[in-house]
Amino acid sequence: MRPVSARISIDAPREQVFELLLDLSARPAFTDHFAHHFQLLREQPSGVGAGARFKARDVGGWLDSVIVESDPPHRLVERGRGGRLNRVPNVTEWVLTETPGPSGCEVEVTFWTEPSQPFDRLRDALNSERRLGRDLRRALERLRELAESGEAPERVVIAGGDRLAPI
């Protein structure tokens, strides 16, 4: 799939928005309209190495995503696999830039896949890039609402994880 991007301005500090993006346990708070059955891959849901698995409507099945690069508060890169037999590599890149004014930032998300098998390329071509673009724009609108409200998002936890708050 060719790169699909969406961009939005958010009236919240860039560091705050970056922290929301860096914590995968908060992702369903703004992506659950197209990413279902969200599962964390490890107990620590934030930072480089944190990962998640979810079923994405517009990409054709399950996707894994692991944070591989973090340049706070500018850029976040996730890599993973999805599709048939989990053999199609994918990349998600989040770029945050400052906007003129006292506080605020612009967030751009780009998603693409890199299928190597002919069947995977055909399946990729049939998935709707337009619908995925709409879903990414909607996710950014929901991220904006969440960041600007200042409320803590509902977070996903893993089964068997520590339920007690840190002291």
Protein backbone atom coordinates (compact mmCIF):
# COMPACT_ATOMS: atom_id res chain seq x y z
CA MET A 1 0.00 0.00 0.00
CA ARG A 2 1.29 3.39 -0.86
CA PRO A 3 1.78 5.81 2.04
CA VAL A 4 -1.50 7.12 3.45
CA SER A 5 -1.22 10.30 5.53
CA ALA A 6 -3.36 12.57 7.66
CA ARG A 7 -2.51 15.82 9.41
CA ILE A 8 -4.15 17.97 12.09
CA SER A 9 -3.37 20.93 14.36
CA ILE A 10 -3.80 20.37 18.09
CA ASP A 11 -4.00 23.15 20.68
CA ALA A 12 -2.01 21.30 23.34
CA PRO A 13 1.69 21.17 24.17
CA ARG A 14 3.66 18.96 21.81
CA GLU A 15 5.20 17.05 24.74
CA GLN A 16 1.74 16.13 26.06
CA VAL A 17 0.58 14.89 22.65
CA PHE A 18 3.82 12.95 22.18
CA GLU A 19 3.29 11.19 25.54
CA LEU A 20 -0.20 10.15 24.44
CA LEU A 21 1.21 8.67 21.23
CA LEU A 22 4.14 6.99 22.99
CA ASP A 23 1.83 5.08 25.36
CA LEU A 24 0.25 2.25 23.36
CA SER A 25 -2.20 1.47 26.16
CA ALA A 26 -3.93 4.79 25.36
CA ARG A 27 -4.22 4.12 21.58
CA PRO A 28 -7.72 2.59 21.66
CA ALA A 29 -9.02 5.85 23.13
CA PHE A 30 -8.67 7.44 19.69
CA THR A 31 -8.31 4.53 17.21
CA ASP A 32 -11.00 2.08 18.31
CA HIS A 33 -13.28 3.09 15.42
CA PHE A 34 -11.05 1.13 13.00
CA ALA A 35 -8.66 -0.88 15.21
CA HIS A 36 -10.44 -3.60 17.18
CA HIS A 37 -9.38 -6.33 19.64
CA PHE A 38 -6.42 -4.26 20.82
CA GLN A 39 -3.85 -6.30 22.81
CA LEU A 40 -0.57 -5.18 24.33
CA LEU A 41 2.45 -7.34 23.57
CA ARG A 42 4.32 -6.64 26.80
CA GLU A 43 3.65 -5.33 30.26
CA GLN A 44 5.40 -1.99 29.68
CA PRO A 45 3.13 -0.22 27.14
CA SER A 46 5.25 2.90 26.62
CA GLY A 47 8.55 3.67 24.92
CA VAL A 48 10.83 1.92 22.46
CA GLY A 49 10.07 -1.80 22.39
CA ALA A 50 6.43 -1.44 23.42
CA GLY A 51 4.13 -3.28 21.08
CA ALA A 52 0.50 -4.00 20.34
CA ARG A 53 -1.58 -6.31 18.18
CA PHE A 54 -4.96 -5.34 16.79
CA LYS A 55 -7.39 -6.11 14.02
CA ALA A 56 -7.54 -3.29 11.47
CA ARG A 57 -10.56 -3.01 9.21
CA ASP A 58 -8.85 -1.19 6.35
CA VAL A 59 -5.65 -3.19 6.21
CA GLY A 60 -7.17 -6.62 5.93
CA GLY A 61 -6.63 -8.45 9.18
CA TRP A 62 -4.40 -8.46 12.21
CA LEU A 63 -1.48 -6.07 12.56
CA ASP A 64 1.45 -6.03 14.95
CA SER A 65 3.08 -2.71 15.72
CA VAL A 66 6.21 -2.11 17.83
CA ILE A 67 7.76 1.26 18.61
CA VAL A 68 11.26 1.15 17.11
CA GLU A 69 12.29 4.84 17.15
CA SER A 70 11.44 7.64 19.51
CA ASP A 71 12.79 11.16 19.14
CA PRO A 72 10.86 13.08 21.83
CA PRO A 73 8.85 15.18 21.15
CA HIS A 74 9.38 15.23 17.39
CA ARG A 75 9.02 11.78 15.82
CA LEU A 76 7.81 8.29 16.60
CA VAL A 77 8.22 5.29 14.27
CA GLU A 78 6.46 1.95 14.58
CA ARG A 79 7.19 -1.15 12.54
CA GLY A 80 5.27 -4.36 12.42
CA ARG A 81 3.75 -7.08 10.32
CA GLY A 82 0.26 -7.98 9.24
CA GLY A 83 -1.83 -9.53 6.53
CA ARG A 84 -1.87 -13.16 5.49
CA LEU A 85 0.37 -15.25 7.76
CA ASN A 86 1.72 -12.02 9.25
CA ARG A 87 4.20 -11.64 6.40
CA VAL A 88 3.49 -8.09 5.17
CA PRO A 89 5.76 -5.48 6.81
CA ASN A 90 4.16 -2.16 7.75
CA VAL A 91 5.40 1.18 9.03
CA THR A 92 3.59 3.92 10.95
CA GLU A 93 5.32 7.26 11.41
CA TRP A 94 4.10 10.08 13.67
CA VAL A 95 5.70 13.51 13.20
CA LEU A 96 4.95 16.40 15.57
CA THR A 97 5.92 19.96 14.70
CA GLU A 98 5.41 23.16 16.65
CA THR A 99 2.89 25.69 15.44
CA PRO A 100 3.23 29.44 15.80
CA GLY A 101 1.67 30.60 19.03
CA PRO A 102 1.96 29.99 22.75
CA SER A 103 1.16 26.27 22.71
CA GLY A 104 0.14 23.81 20.10
CA CYS A 105 1.48 21.43 17.54
CA GLU A 106 0.74 19.82 14.23
CA VAL A 107 0.58 16.03 14.08
CA GLU A 108 1.04 14.03 10.89
CA VAL A 109 0.61 10.27 10.75
CA THR A 110 1.71 8.18 7.76
CA PHE A 111 1.05 4.46 7.30
CA TRP A 112 2.28 2.17 4.54
CA THR A 113 2.87 -1.50 3.86
CA GLU A 114 5.65 -3.24 1.94
CA PRO A 115 4.24 -6.49 0.48
CA SER A 116 6.71 -8.71 -1.36
CA GLN A 117 4.48 -11.61 -2.48
CA PRO A 118 2.20 -11.20 -5.54
CA PHE A 119 -0.89 -12.31 -3.60
CA ASP A 120 -0.12 -9.81 -0.84
CA ARG A 121 0.35 -6.99 -3.37
CA LEU A 122 -3.04 -7.81 -4.93
CA ARG A 123 -4.76 -7.94 -1.55
CA ASP A 124 -3.07 -4.67 -0.61
CA ALA A 125 -4.33 -3.03 -3.81
CA LEU A 126 -7.90 -4.09 -2.98
CA ASN A 127 -7.82 -2.51 0.48
CA SER A 128 -9.19 1.00 0.46
CA GLU A 129 -6.52 3.68 0.86
CA ARG A 130 -9.26 6.30 0.81
CA ARG A 131 -11.13 4.70 3.72
CA LEU A 132 -7.89 4.27 5.67
CA GLY A 133 -7.15 7.97 5.09
CA ARG A 134 -10.58 8.88 6.49
CA ASP A 135 -10.01 6.64 9.49
CA LEU A 136 -6.60 8.19 10.16
CA ARG A 137 -8.12 11.70 9.96
CA ARG A 138 -10.87 10.64 12.38
CA ALA A 139 -8.25 9.17 14.74
CA LEU A 140 -6.36 12.48 14.71
CA GLU A 141 -9.60 14.40 15.41
CA ARG A 142 -10.25 12.14 18.39
CA LEU A 143 -6.61 12.57 19.52
CA ARG A 144 -7.12 16.34 19.36
CA GLU A 145 -10.28 16.10 21.50
CA LEU A 146 -8.45 13.93 24.03
CA ALA A 147 -5.31 16.11 24.20
CA GLU A 148 -7.19 19.41 24.37
CA SER A 149 -9.56 18.16 27.07
CA GLY A 150 -6.65 17.25 29.35
CA GLU A 151 -8.53 14.18 30.62
CA ALA A 152 -6.72 10.92 31.20
CA PRO A 153 -7.61 8.38 28.49
CA GLU A 154 -9.00 4.96 29.29
CA ARG A 155 -6.06 2.57 29.05
CA VAL A 156 -5.76 -1.07 28.03
CA VAL A 157 -3.97 -3.46 30.41
CA ILE A 158 -2.59 -6.93 29.87
CA ALA A 159 -4.02 -9.97 31.60
CA GLY A 160 -2.09 -10.81 34.74
CA GLY A 161 -0.42 -7.39 34.86
CA ASP A 162 0.10 -5.42 38.04
CA ARG A 163 -3.20 -3.84 39.04
CA LEU A 164 -1.79 -1.75 41.89
CA ALA A 165 -0.79 1.83 41.30
CA PRO A 166 2.94 2.56 41.73
CA ILE A 167 3.87 4.01 45.09
